[in-house]
N, C-alpha and C. Protein backbone atom coordinates (compact mmCIF):
# COMPACT_ATOMS: atom_id res chain seq x y z
N UNK A 1 -33.68 36.48 -92.33
CA UNK A 1 -32.22 36.46 -92.21
C UNK A 1 -31.79 35.47 -91.13
N UNK A 2 -32.56 35.47 -90.01
CA UNK A 2 -32.21 34.54 -88.92
C UNK A 2 -32.37 33.10 -89.35
N UNK A 3 -33.37 32.82 -90.18
CA UNK A 3 -33.57 31.45 -90.67
C UNK A 3 -32.39 31.00 -91.51
N UNK A 4 -31.88 31.91 -92.34
CA UNK A 4 -30.73 31.57 -93.17
C UNK A 4 -29.51 31.30 -92.30
N UNK A 5 -29.31 32.15 -91.28
CA UNK A 5 -28.19 31.95 -90.35
C UNK A 5 -28.33 30.62 -89.62
N UNK A 6 -29.55 30.30 -89.24
CA UNK A 6 -29.79 29.06 -88.52
C UNK A 6 -29.50 27.85 -89.40
N UNK A 7 -29.93 27.93 -90.67
CA UNK A 7 -29.68 26.84 -91.62
C UNK A 7 -28.19 26.67 -91.85
N UNK A 8 -27.47 27.81 -92.00
CA UNK A 8 -26.03 27.75 -92.20
C UNK A 8 -25.32 27.14 -91.00
N UNK A 9 -25.76 27.51 -89.80
CA UNK A 9 -25.15 26.97 -88.59
C UNK A 9 -25.39 25.46 -88.48
N UNK A 10 -26.61 25.03 -88.82
CA UNK A 10 -26.92 23.60 -88.77
C UNK A 10 -26.07 22.84 -89.78
N UNK A 11 -25.96 23.42 -90.98
CA UNK A 11 -25.15 22.78 -92.02
C UNK A 11 -23.69 22.69 -91.63
N UNK A 12 -23.15 23.78 -91.05
CA UNK A 12 -21.77 23.79 -90.61
C UNK A 12 -21.54 22.78 -89.50
N UNK A 13 -22.47 22.69 -88.57
CA UNK A 13 -22.35 21.71 -87.49
C UNK A 13 -22.35 20.29 -88.03
N UNK A 14 -23.17 20.02 -89.04
CA UNK A 14 -23.23 18.69 -89.64
C UNK A 14 -21.91 18.32 -90.30
N UNK A 15 -21.31 19.32 -90.98
CA UNK A 15 -20.02 19.07 -91.64
C UNK A 15 -18.95 18.75 -90.60
N UNK A 16 -18.92 19.54 -89.50
CA UNK A 16 -17.92 19.32 -88.45
C UNK A 16 -18.10 17.95 -87.82
N UNK A 17 -19.36 17.60 -87.52
CA UNK A 17 -19.62 16.30 -86.91
C UNK A 17 -19.25 15.16 -87.86
N UNK A 18 -19.54 15.34 -89.14
CA UNK A 18 -19.19 14.30 -90.12
C UNK A 18 -17.68 14.12 -90.20
N UNK A 19 -16.94 15.26 -90.13
CA UNK A 19 -15.48 15.19 -90.15
C UNK A 19 -14.94 14.46 -88.95
N UNK A 20 -15.51 14.74 -87.79
CA UNK A 20 -15.06 14.08 -86.57
C UNK A 20 -15.37 12.58 -86.61
N UNK A 21 -16.50 12.23 -87.19
CA UNK A 21 -16.93 10.84 -87.21
C UNK A 21 -16.14 10.00 -88.19
N UNK A 22 -15.37 10.66 -89.10
CA UNK A 22 -14.66 9.91 -90.14
C UNK A 22 -13.36 9.26 -89.63
N UNK A 23 -12.90 9.64 -88.45
CA UNK A 23 -11.67 9.07 -87.92
C UNK A 23 -11.97 7.81 -87.12
N UNK A 24 -11.25 6.74 -87.46
CA UNK A 24 -11.46 5.47 -86.78
C UNK A 24 -10.10 4.87 -86.43
N UNK A 25 -9.96 4.39 -85.21
CA UNK A 25 -8.71 3.80 -84.76
C UNK A 25 -8.96 2.38 -84.28
N UNK A 26 -8.13 1.46 -84.74
CA UNK A 26 -8.25 0.06 -84.32
C UNK A 26 -6.88 -0.44 -83.93
N UNK A 27 -6.75 -0.96 -82.74
CA UNK A 27 -5.48 -1.51 -82.29
C UNK A 27 -5.32 -2.92 -82.87
N UNK A 28 -4.08 -3.18 -83.35
CA UNK A 28 -3.79 -4.49 -83.96
C UNK A 28 -2.51 -5.04 -83.36
N UNK A 29 -2.27 -6.31 -83.57
CA UNK A 29 -1.03 -6.94 -83.10
C UNK A 29 0.15 -6.31 -83.82
N UNK A 30 1.25 -6.12 -83.09
CA UNK A 30 2.43 -5.47 -83.67
C UNK A 30 2.99 -6.26 -84.83
N UNK A 31 2.90 -7.59 -84.78
CA UNK A 31 3.46 -8.42 -85.85
C UNK A 31 2.47 -8.71 -86.97
N UNK A 32 1.29 -8.08 -86.93
CA UNK A 32 0.31 -8.28 -88.00
C UNK A 32 0.76 -7.53 -89.25
N UNK A 33 0.65 -8.21 -90.40
CA UNK A 33 1.06 -7.60 -91.66
C UNK A 33 -0.05 -6.68 -92.19
N UNK A 34 0.26 -5.41 -92.33
CA UNK A 34 -0.68 -4.43 -92.88
C UNK A 34 0.06 -3.67 -93.98
N UNK A 35 -0.38 -3.84 -95.20
CA UNK A 35 0.29 -3.21 -96.35
C UNK A 35 -0.69 -2.27 -97.02
N UNK A 36 -0.61 -1.00 -96.71
CA UNK A 36 -1.57 -0.02 -97.23
C UNK A 36 -1.13 0.57 -98.57
N UNK A 37 0.13 0.88 -98.70
CA UNK A 37 0.61 1.61 -99.87
C UNK A 37 1.39 0.76 -100.86
N UNK A 38 1.89 -0.40 -100.41
CA UNK A 38 2.76 -1.20 -101.25
C UNK A 38 4.23 -0.86 -101.08
N UNK A 39 4.52 0.21 -100.34
CA UNK A 39 5.92 0.60 -100.12
C UNK A 39 6.53 -0.25 -99.01
N UNK A 40 7.87 -0.15 -98.90
CA UNK A 40 8.62 -0.86 -97.86
C UNK A 40 8.05 -0.49 -96.49
N UNK A 41 7.79 -1.51 -95.66
CA UNK A 41 7.21 -1.23 -94.35
C UNK A 41 7.89 -2.05 -93.26
N UNK A 42 7.33 -1.97 -92.05
CA UNK A 42 7.97 -2.62 -90.90
C UNK A 42 8.04 -4.14 -91.05
N UNK A 43 7.03 -4.74 -91.66
CA UNK A 43 7.04 -6.18 -91.85
C UNK A 43 8.13 -6.59 -92.83
N UNK A 44 8.29 -5.83 -93.92
CA UNK A 44 9.35 -6.11 -94.88
C UNK A 44 10.72 -6.04 -94.21
N UNK A 45 10.91 -5.02 -93.37
CA UNK A 45 12.19 -4.84 -92.68
C UNK A 45 12.49 -6.01 -91.76
N UNK A 46 11.51 -6.38 -90.95
CA UNK A 46 11.73 -7.46 -89.96
C UNK A 46 11.96 -8.80 -90.63
N UNK A 47 11.12 -9.16 -91.59
CA UNK A 47 11.23 -10.46 -92.24
C UNK A 47 12.51 -10.58 -93.08
N UNK A 48 12.89 -9.48 -93.75
CA UNK A 48 14.11 -9.49 -94.54
C UNK A 48 15.33 -9.68 -93.64
N UNK A 49 15.37 -8.95 -92.52
CA UNK A 49 16.48 -9.06 -91.58
C UNK A 49 16.58 -10.48 -91.03
N UNK A 50 15.46 -11.05 -90.61
CA UNK A 50 15.48 -12.40 -90.04
C UNK A 50 15.93 -13.43 -91.06
N UNK A 51 15.45 -13.29 -92.31
CA UNK A 51 15.81 -14.24 -93.36
C UNK A 51 17.30 -14.17 -93.68
N UNK A 52 17.83 -12.96 -93.82
CA UNK A 52 19.23 -12.80 -94.21
C UNK A 52 20.18 -13.21 -93.08
N UNK A 53 19.84 -12.90 -91.85
CA UNK A 53 20.70 -13.29 -90.73
C UNK A 53 20.69 -14.81 -90.56
N UNK A 54 19.52 -15.42 -90.76
CA UNK A 54 19.46 -16.89 -90.68
C UNK A 54 20.35 -17.51 -91.75
N UNK A 55 20.37 -16.91 -92.93
CA UNK A 55 21.20 -17.44 -94.01
C UNK A 55 22.69 -17.26 -93.72
N UNK A 56 23.08 -16.05 -93.30
CA UNK A 56 24.51 -15.79 -93.09
C UNK A 56 25.08 -16.65 -91.97
N UNK A 57 24.27 -16.96 -90.98
CA UNK A 57 24.77 -17.72 -89.83
C UNK A 57 24.83 -19.22 -90.08
N UNK A 58 24.30 -19.69 -91.21
CA UNK A 58 24.38 -21.12 -91.53
C UNK A 58 25.48 -21.42 -92.54
N UNK A 59 26.26 -20.41 -92.90
CA UNK A 59 27.33 -20.59 -93.88
C UNK A 59 28.63 -21.00 -93.19
N UNK A 60 29.58 -21.56 -93.94
CA UNK A 60 30.81 -22.14 -93.35
C UNK A 60 31.69 -21.16 -92.58
N UNK A 61 31.60 -19.85 -92.86
CA UNK A 61 32.52 -18.90 -92.24
C UNK A 61 32.43 -18.92 -90.72
N UNK A 62 31.24 -19.20 -90.17
CA UNK A 62 31.07 -19.20 -88.70
C UNK A 62 31.92 -20.29 -88.06
N UNK A 63 31.76 -21.52 -88.54
CA UNK A 63 32.52 -22.64 -87.98
C UNK A 63 34.00 -22.52 -88.29
N UNK A 64 34.33 -22.04 -89.49
CA UNK A 64 35.74 -21.86 -89.86
C UNK A 64 36.43 -20.90 -88.89
N UNK A 65 35.74 -19.80 -88.56
CA UNK A 65 36.33 -18.82 -87.65
C UNK A 65 36.50 -19.40 -86.26
N UNK A 66 35.48 -20.08 -85.75
CA UNK A 66 35.56 -20.64 -84.40
C UNK A 66 36.64 -21.70 -84.30
N UNK A 67 36.82 -22.48 -85.36
CA UNK A 67 37.87 -23.49 -85.37
C UNK A 67 39.27 -22.85 -85.34
N UNK A 68 39.40 -21.71 -86.01
CA UNK A 68 40.71 -21.05 -86.11
C UNK A 68 41.06 -20.23 -84.88
N UNK A 69 40.06 -19.57 -84.29
CA UNK A 69 40.34 -18.60 -83.21
C UNK A 69 39.76 -18.99 -81.86
N UNK A 70 38.99 -20.05 -81.80
CA UNK A 70 38.48 -20.60 -80.55
C UNK A 70 37.55 -19.63 -79.79
N UNK A 71 36.87 -18.79 -80.52
CA UNK A 71 35.83 -17.95 -79.91
C UNK A 71 34.82 -17.56 -80.98
N UNK A 72 33.67 -17.10 -80.54
CA UNK A 72 32.64 -16.69 -81.49
C UNK A 72 33.10 -15.46 -82.26
N UNK A 73 32.77 -15.36 -83.55
CA UNK A 73 33.14 -14.17 -84.30
C UNK A 73 32.42 -12.94 -83.76
N UNK A 74 33.13 -11.82 -83.78
CA UNK A 74 32.57 -10.55 -83.33
C UNK A 74 32.13 -9.75 -84.56
N UNK A 75 30.87 -9.36 -84.58
CA UNK A 75 30.28 -8.73 -85.76
C UNK A 75 29.78 -7.33 -85.43
N UNK A 76 29.90 -6.44 -86.41
CA UNK A 76 29.35 -5.09 -86.30
C UNK A 76 28.59 -4.80 -87.59
N UNK A 77 27.49 -4.08 -87.47
CA UNK A 77 26.74 -3.66 -88.65
C UNK A 77 27.28 -2.32 -89.11
N UNK A 78 27.69 -2.26 -90.37
CA UNK A 78 28.22 -1.03 -90.93
C UNK A 78 27.17 -0.26 -91.70
N UNK A 79 27.55 0.26 -92.85
CA UNK A 79 26.68 1.13 -93.63
C UNK A 79 25.67 0.31 -94.43
N UNK A 80 24.39 0.60 -94.24
CA UNK A 80 23.31 0.02 -95.04
C UNK A 80 22.70 1.16 -95.84
N UNK A 81 22.87 1.15 -97.15
CA UNK A 81 22.45 2.27 -97.99
C UNK A 81 21.04 2.08 -98.52
N UNK A 82 20.28 3.16 -98.56
CA UNK A 82 18.97 3.17 -99.19
C UNK A 82 19.14 3.69 -100.61
N UNK A 83 19.06 2.80 -101.59
CA UNK A 83 19.22 3.19 -102.99
C UNK A 83 17.89 3.15 -103.73
N UNK A 84 16.80 3.26 -102.98
CA UNK A 84 15.48 3.31 -103.60
C UNK A 84 15.06 4.77 -103.74
N UNK A 85 13.91 4.97 -104.39
CA UNK A 85 13.36 6.32 -104.47
C UNK A 85 12.34 6.58 -103.36
N UNK A 86 12.29 5.67 -102.39
CA UNK A 86 11.39 5.81 -101.25
C UNK A 86 12.16 6.33 -100.05
N UNK A 87 11.41 6.92 -99.11
CA UNK A 87 12.02 7.29 -97.83
C UNK A 87 11.95 6.07 -96.92
N UNK A 88 13.05 5.36 -96.81
CA UNK A 88 13.13 4.17 -95.95
C UNK A 88 13.98 4.52 -94.73
N UNK A 89 13.42 4.30 -93.57
CA UNK A 89 14.17 4.52 -92.34
C UNK A 89 15.14 3.35 -92.15
N UNK A 90 16.35 3.53 -92.64
CA UNK A 90 17.35 2.45 -92.61
C UNK A 90 17.70 2.07 -91.19
N UNK A 91 17.59 3.01 -90.24
CA UNK A 91 17.90 2.70 -88.84
C UNK A 91 17.03 1.57 -88.30
N UNK A 92 15.76 1.54 -88.74
CA UNK A 92 14.86 0.46 -88.30
C UNK A 92 15.36 -0.88 -88.82
N UNK A 93 15.78 -0.91 -90.09
CA UNK A 93 16.29 -2.15 -90.68
C UNK A 93 17.59 -2.58 -89.98
N UNK A 94 18.45 -1.62 -89.68
CA UNK A 94 19.71 -1.94 -88.99
C UNK A 94 19.42 -2.56 -87.62
N UNK A 95 18.47 -1.99 -86.89
CA UNK A 95 18.13 -2.55 -85.58
C UNK A 95 17.53 -3.94 -85.71
N UNK A 96 16.76 -4.17 -86.77
CA UNK A 96 16.24 -5.52 -87.00
C UNK A 96 17.39 -6.50 -87.25
N UNK A 97 18.39 -6.07 -88.01
CA UNK A 97 19.57 -6.91 -88.26
C UNK A 97 20.31 -7.19 -86.96
N UNK A 98 20.52 -6.14 -86.16
CA UNK A 98 21.24 -6.30 -84.90
C UNK A 98 20.50 -7.25 -83.97
N UNK A 99 19.20 -7.11 -83.89
CA UNK A 99 18.40 -7.97 -83.01
C UNK A 99 18.52 -9.43 -83.43
N UNK A 100 18.41 -9.68 -84.74
CA UNK A 100 18.51 -11.05 -85.23
C UNK A 100 19.89 -11.64 -84.96
N UNK A 101 20.93 -10.82 -85.10
CA UNK A 101 22.29 -11.29 -84.83
C UNK A 101 22.48 -11.64 -83.36
N UNK A 102 22.10 -10.73 -82.49
CA UNK A 102 22.27 -10.94 -81.05
C UNK A 102 21.48 -12.15 -80.58
N UNK A 103 20.22 -12.25 -81.02
CA UNK A 103 19.35 -13.33 -80.55
C UNK A 103 19.77 -14.70 -81.08
N UNK A 104 20.59 -14.73 -82.12
CA UNK A 104 21.04 -16.01 -82.66
C UNK A 104 21.95 -16.75 -81.69
N UNK A 105 22.72 -16.00 -80.87
CA UNK A 105 23.66 -16.61 -79.94
C UNK A 105 24.90 -17.18 -80.60
N UNK A 106 25.04 -17.02 -81.91
CA UNK A 106 26.17 -17.60 -82.63
C UNK A 106 27.32 -16.64 -82.83
N UNK A 107 27.09 -15.37 -82.59
CA UNK A 107 28.14 -14.37 -82.74
C UNK A 107 28.11 -13.42 -81.55
N UNK A 108 29.22 -12.71 -81.36
CA UNK A 108 29.26 -11.61 -80.39
C UNK A 108 29.05 -10.34 -81.19
N UNK A 109 28.25 -9.45 -80.64
CA UNK A 109 27.89 -8.25 -81.39
C UNK A 109 28.37 -7.02 -80.63
N UNK A 110 28.98 -6.06 -81.34
CA UNK A 110 29.49 -4.85 -80.69
C UNK A 110 28.79 -3.62 -81.24
N UNK A 111 28.88 -2.53 -80.46
CA UNK A 111 28.19 -1.29 -80.79
C UNK A 111 28.75 -0.69 -82.07
N UNK A 112 27.88 0.03 -82.79
CA UNK A 112 28.27 0.68 -84.04
C UNK A 112 29.15 1.89 -83.76
N UNK A 113 29.73 2.45 -84.81
CA UNK A 113 30.61 3.61 -84.66
C UNK A 113 29.85 4.80 -84.08
N UNK A 114 28.59 4.97 -84.47
CA UNK A 114 27.79 6.07 -83.93
C UNK A 114 27.55 5.89 -82.43
N UNK A 115 27.25 4.67 -82.03
CA UNK A 115 26.97 4.39 -80.63
C UNK A 115 28.22 4.48 -79.76
N UNK A 116 29.38 4.14 -80.32
CA UNK A 116 30.59 4.12 -79.51
C UNK A 116 31.00 5.51 -79.02
N UNK A 117 30.64 6.55 -79.77
CA UNK A 117 31.01 7.90 -79.35
C UNK A 117 30.48 8.24 -77.97
N UNK A 118 29.19 7.99 -77.74
CA UNK A 118 28.59 8.28 -76.44
C UNK A 118 29.14 7.38 -75.35
N UNK A 119 29.39 6.11 -75.69
CA UNK A 119 29.94 5.17 -74.71
C UNK A 119 31.33 5.60 -74.27
N UNK A 120 32.15 6.04 -75.21
CA UNK A 120 33.51 6.47 -74.88
C UNK A 120 33.50 7.74 -74.04
N UNK A 121 32.56 8.63 -74.31
CA UNK A 121 32.44 9.84 -73.50
C UNK A 121 32.12 9.49 -72.04
N UNK A 122 31.23 8.52 -71.86
CA UNK A 122 30.89 8.08 -70.51
C UNK A 122 32.10 7.46 -69.82
N UNK A 123 32.87 6.66 -70.56
CA UNK A 123 34.06 6.03 -69.98
C UNK A 123 35.10 7.07 -69.59
N UNK A 124 35.27 8.08 -70.43
CA UNK A 124 36.20 9.17 -70.11
C UNK A 124 35.76 9.92 -68.86
N UNK A 125 34.44 10.15 -68.75
CA UNK A 125 33.91 10.85 -67.58
C UNK A 125 34.16 10.04 -66.31
N UNK A 126 33.99 8.72 -66.40
CA UNK A 126 34.25 7.86 -65.23
C UNK A 126 35.71 7.92 -64.80
N UNK A 127 36.60 7.99 -65.78
CA UNK A 127 38.03 7.95 -65.49
C UNK A 127 38.61 9.32 -65.13
N UNK A 128 37.77 10.36 -65.19
CA UNK A 128 38.25 11.68 -64.77
C UNK A 128 38.55 11.64 -63.27
N UNK A 129 39.68 12.15 -62.87
CA UNK A 129 40.14 12.02 -61.49
C UNK A 129 39.15 12.64 -60.50
N UNK A 130 38.77 11.84 -59.51
CA UNK A 130 37.93 12.34 -58.42
C UNK A 130 36.45 12.37 -58.71
N UNK A 131 36.00 11.88 -59.86
CA UNK A 131 34.58 11.96 -60.21
C UNK A 131 33.79 10.69 -59.86
N UNK A 132 34.44 9.54 -59.92
CA UNK A 132 33.74 8.26 -59.75
C UNK A 132 34.48 7.40 -58.73
N UNK A 133 33.71 6.62 -57.94
CA UNK A 133 34.34 5.71 -56.99
C UNK A 133 35.27 4.76 -57.74
N UNK A 134 36.50 4.61 -57.30
CA UNK A 134 37.52 3.82 -58.03
C UNK A 134 37.07 2.39 -58.34
N UNK A 135 36.36 1.76 -57.40
CA UNK A 135 35.99 0.36 -57.60
C UNK A 135 34.89 0.18 -58.67
N UNK A 136 34.26 1.30 -59.08
CA UNK A 136 33.18 1.19 -60.09
C UNK A 136 33.60 1.72 -61.46
N UNK A 137 34.83 2.17 -61.58
CA UNK A 137 35.28 2.75 -62.85
C UNK A 137 35.47 1.66 -63.91
N UNK A 138 34.94 1.90 -65.08
CA UNK A 138 35.19 1.03 -66.23
C UNK A 138 36.52 1.41 -66.85
N UNK A 139 37.48 0.49 -66.91
CA UNK A 139 38.82 0.85 -67.39
C UNK A 139 38.83 1.18 -68.88
N UNK A 140 39.84 1.96 -69.27
CA UNK A 140 40.04 2.31 -70.67
C UNK A 140 40.77 1.19 -71.39
N UNK A 141 40.64 1.16 -72.69
CA UNK A 141 41.43 0.25 -73.51
C UNK A 141 41.03 -1.20 -73.47
N UNK A 142 39.76 -1.48 -73.13
CA UNK A 142 39.34 -2.88 -73.08
C UNK A 142 38.15 -3.15 -74.00
N UNK A 143 37.99 -2.33 -75.02
CA UNK A 143 36.90 -2.55 -75.97
C UNK A 143 37.16 -3.83 -76.78
N UNK A 144 36.09 -4.48 -77.17
CA UNK A 144 36.19 -5.65 -78.03
C UNK A 144 36.12 -5.21 -79.49
N UNK A 145 37.14 -5.55 -80.24
CA UNK A 145 37.15 -5.19 -81.66
C UNK A 145 36.36 -6.18 -82.50
N UNK A 146 35.78 -5.69 -83.58
CA UNK A 146 34.99 -6.54 -84.46
C UNK A 146 35.89 -7.33 -85.40
N UNK A 147 35.46 -8.54 -85.71
CA UNK A 147 36.16 -9.37 -86.70
C UNK A 147 35.54 -9.20 -88.09
N UNK A 148 34.23 -8.96 -88.12
CA UNK A 148 33.52 -8.85 -89.39
C UNK A 148 32.57 -7.65 -89.36
N UNK A 149 32.37 -7.06 -90.54
CA UNK A 149 31.40 -5.97 -90.68
C UNK A 149 30.36 -6.37 -91.72
N UNK A 150 29.08 -6.16 -91.36
CA UNK A 150 27.97 -6.45 -92.27
C UNK A 150 27.56 -5.15 -92.95
N UNK A 151 27.64 -5.11 -94.27
CA UNK A 151 27.27 -3.92 -95.04
C UNK A 151 26.25 -4.32 -96.09
N UNK A 152 25.56 -3.33 -96.67
CA UNK A 152 24.58 -3.69 -97.69
C UNK A 152 23.82 -2.51 -98.23
N UNK A 153 22.77 -2.83 -99.00
CA UNK A 153 21.95 -1.80 -99.63
C UNK A 153 20.56 -2.34 -99.90
N UNK A 154 19.59 -1.42 -99.97
CA UNK A 154 18.22 -1.74 -100.36
C UNK A 154 17.96 -1.07 -101.70
N UNK A 155 17.56 -1.85 -102.70
CA UNK A 155 17.37 -1.35 -104.06
C UNK A 155 15.97 -1.71 -104.55
N UNK A 156 15.48 -0.99 -105.56
CA UNK A 156 14.17 -1.30 -106.12
C UNK A 156 14.20 -1.27 -107.64
N UNK A 157 13.33 -2.10 -108.22
CA UNK A 157 13.01 -2.06 -109.63
C UNK A 157 11.49 -1.99 -109.73
N UNK A 158 10.99 -1.07 -110.57
CA UNK A 158 9.55 -0.84 -110.63
C UNK A 158 9.06 -0.88 -112.06
N UNK A 159 7.97 -1.62 -112.29
CA UNK A 159 7.32 -1.68 -113.59
C UNK A 159 5.89 -1.23 -113.40
N UNK A 160 5.49 -0.19 -114.10
CA UNK A 160 4.20 0.45 -113.82
C UNK A 160 3.40 0.64 -115.09
N UNK A 161 2.10 0.43 -114.97
CA UNK A 161 1.15 0.74 -116.02
C UNK A 161 -0.05 1.40 -115.37
N UNK A 162 -1.04 1.77 -116.14
CA UNK A 162 -2.18 2.51 -115.61
C UNK A 162 -2.89 1.73 -114.51
N UNK A 163 -2.89 2.30 -113.31
CA UNK A 163 -3.61 1.71 -112.18
C UNK A 163 -2.97 0.51 -111.54
N UNK A 164 -1.75 0.15 -111.96
CA UNK A 164 -1.13 -1.05 -111.41
C UNK A 164 0.38 -0.96 -111.55
N UNK A 165 1.11 -1.46 -110.56
CA UNK A 165 2.55 -1.55 -110.70
C UNK A 165 3.10 -2.75 -109.92
N UNK A 166 4.25 -3.22 -110.38
CA UNK A 166 4.98 -4.29 -109.72
C UNK A 166 6.29 -3.70 -109.23
N UNK A 167 6.59 -3.90 -107.96
CA UNK A 167 7.84 -3.38 -107.41
C UNK A 167 8.65 -4.52 -106.80
N UNK A 168 9.90 -4.56 -107.17
CA UNK A 168 10.82 -5.58 -106.65
C UNK A 168 11.83 -4.91 -105.73
N UNK A 169 11.86 -5.35 -104.48
CA UNK A 169 12.88 -4.89 -103.53
C UNK A 169 14.01 -5.91 -103.53
N UNK A 170 15.21 -5.44 -103.75
CA UNK A 170 16.39 -6.30 -103.75
C UNK A 170 17.34 -5.82 -102.66
N UNK A 171 17.50 -6.65 -101.64
CA UNK A 171 18.37 -6.30 -100.52
C UNK A 171 19.66 -7.11 -100.65
N UNK A 172 20.76 -6.40 -100.82
CA UNK A 172 22.07 -7.04 -100.96
C UNK A 172 22.86 -6.84 -99.67
N UNK A 173 23.44 -7.92 -99.16
CA UNK A 173 24.24 -7.84 -97.95
C UNK A 173 25.57 -8.56 -98.16
N UNK A 174 26.62 -8.02 -97.53
CA UNK A 174 27.96 -8.62 -97.60
C UNK A 174 28.59 -8.61 -96.23
N UNK A 175 29.28 -9.69 -95.90
CA UNK A 175 30.00 -9.79 -94.64
C UNK A 175 31.50 -9.71 -94.96
N UNK A 176 32.16 -8.69 -94.44
CA UNK A 176 33.56 -8.43 -94.79
C UNK A 176 34.46 -8.73 -93.60
N UNK A 177 35.52 -9.49 -93.84
CA UNK A 177 36.53 -9.79 -92.83
C UNK A 177 37.38 -8.53 -92.63
N UNK A 178 37.37 -7.96 -91.42
CA UNK A 178 38.08 -6.71 -91.17
C UNK A 178 39.60 -6.88 -91.17
N UNK A 179 40.09 -8.10 -90.99
CA UNK A 179 41.54 -8.32 -91.04
C UNK A 179 42.06 -8.25 -92.48
N UNK A 180 41.30 -8.83 -93.40
CA UNK A 180 41.81 -9.04 -94.75
C UNK A 180 41.02 -8.32 -95.84
N UNK A 181 39.86 -7.75 -95.50
CA UNK A 181 38.93 -7.17 -96.47
C UNK A 181 38.30 -8.22 -97.39
N UNK A 182 38.49 -9.50 -97.07
CA UNK A 182 37.85 -10.55 -97.84
C UNK A 182 36.36 -10.61 -97.51
N UNK A 183 35.55 -10.95 -98.52
CA UNK A 183 34.11 -11.09 -98.32
C UNK A 183 33.81 -12.54 -97.94
N UNK A 184 33.38 -12.71 -96.68
CA UNK A 184 33.13 -14.05 -96.17
C UNK A 184 31.78 -14.58 -96.62
N UNK A 185 30.87 -13.67 -96.96
CA UNK A 185 29.51 -14.08 -97.36
C UNK A 185 28.88 -12.96 -98.16
N UNK A 186 28.14 -13.33 -99.20
CA UNK A 186 27.34 -12.38 -99.98
C UNK A 186 25.93 -12.96 -100.07
N UNK A 187 24.96 -12.17 -99.67
CA UNK A 187 23.58 -12.65 -99.70
C UNK A 187 22.66 -11.67 -100.38
N UNK A 188 21.52 -12.19 -100.83
CA UNK A 188 20.53 -11.35 -101.50
C UNK A 188 19.14 -11.84 -101.13
N UNK A 189 18.27 -10.89 -100.83
CA UNK A 189 16.87 -11.23 -100.54
C UNK A 189 15.98 -10.41 -101.45
N UNK A 190 15.04 -11.08 -102.13
CA UNK A 190 14.13 -10.42 -103.06
C UNK A 190 12.72 -10.42 -102.50
N UNK A 191 12.04 -9.31 -102.69
CA UNK A 191 10.67 -9.16 -102.22
C UNK A 191 9.89 -8.45 -103.32
N UNK A 192 8.85 -9.12 -103.87
CA UNK A 192 8.09 -8.54 -104.98
C UNK A 192 6.64 -8.28 -104.56
N UNK A 193 6.13 -7.13 -104.94
CA UNK A 193 4.74 -6.76 -104.62
C UNK A 193 4.02 -6.30 -105.89
N UNK A 194 2.77 -6.72 -106.02
CA UNK A 194 1.89 -6.22 -107.07
C UNK A 194 0.88 -5.30 -106.41
N UNK A 195 0.83 -4.07 -106.85
CA UNK A 195 -0.02 -3.06 -106.22
C UNK A 195 -1.03 -2.55 -107.24
N UNK A 196 -2.30 -2.62 -106.90
CA UNK A 196 -3.37 -2.07 -107.75
C UNK A 196 -3.88 -0.79 -107.10
N UNK A 197 -3.94 0.25 -107.90
CA UNK A 197 -4.41 1.55 -107.42
C UNK A 197 -5.88 1.73 -107.75
N UNK A 198 -6.64 2.17 -106.76
CA UNK A 198 -8.02 2.53 -107.03
C UNK A 198 -8.07 3.81 -107.83
N UNK A 199 -9.04 3.92 -108.72
CA UNK A 199 -9.17 5.15 -109.51
C UNK A 199 -9.56 6.34 -108.66
N UNK A 200 -9.99 6.05 -107.43
CA UNK A 200 -10.34 7.14 -106.51
C UNK A 200 -9.21 7.52 -105.57
N UNK A 201 -8.07 6.78 -105.63
CA UNK A 201 -6.97 7.06 -104.73
C UNK A 201 -6.29 8.36 -105.10
N UNK A 202 -5.68 8.99 -104.08
CA UNK A 202 -5.01 10.28 -104.30
C UNK A 202 -3.60 10.07 -104.79
């Protein structure tokens, strides 16, 4: 009986050790492209944002606005909808868009509606009587209003057969003039992937 128990213990220990040995971690560069599943990932988000912002900022609306109003256009990112069947963290894509806009130096960028709530609460707290040194108070009523809002959506088309599928990501973006509701720019970025599934994949 003891021999059987000993054999079972050895076998169980081997299984546990094998399980522990199966985990491997390798650090890679943040900007390295790693596509494991074929689904939308961080590289797709970053490259799409950079491509679309580069396109929108080279169109005539930028110079037309500066010629008319003598200052850089003020832009805000509005609603970006996920119309795919994947769980896409749209907030990551929005931040990629914001970063590309700000770093371009061609526009002034203002906080989103979600962000403004916390900022306004802080400003109200500063202006509460007796709470903040007067010389450090940020005054009320001096927010910069946006001239344009960037809105859009992420969409997919998928063609699938046994062990293989092609997925097309279509990102549509529009820049809307907040004074007139006119669309100053409409852009589209397409990203296509061919994914082969191993017969052993889960």
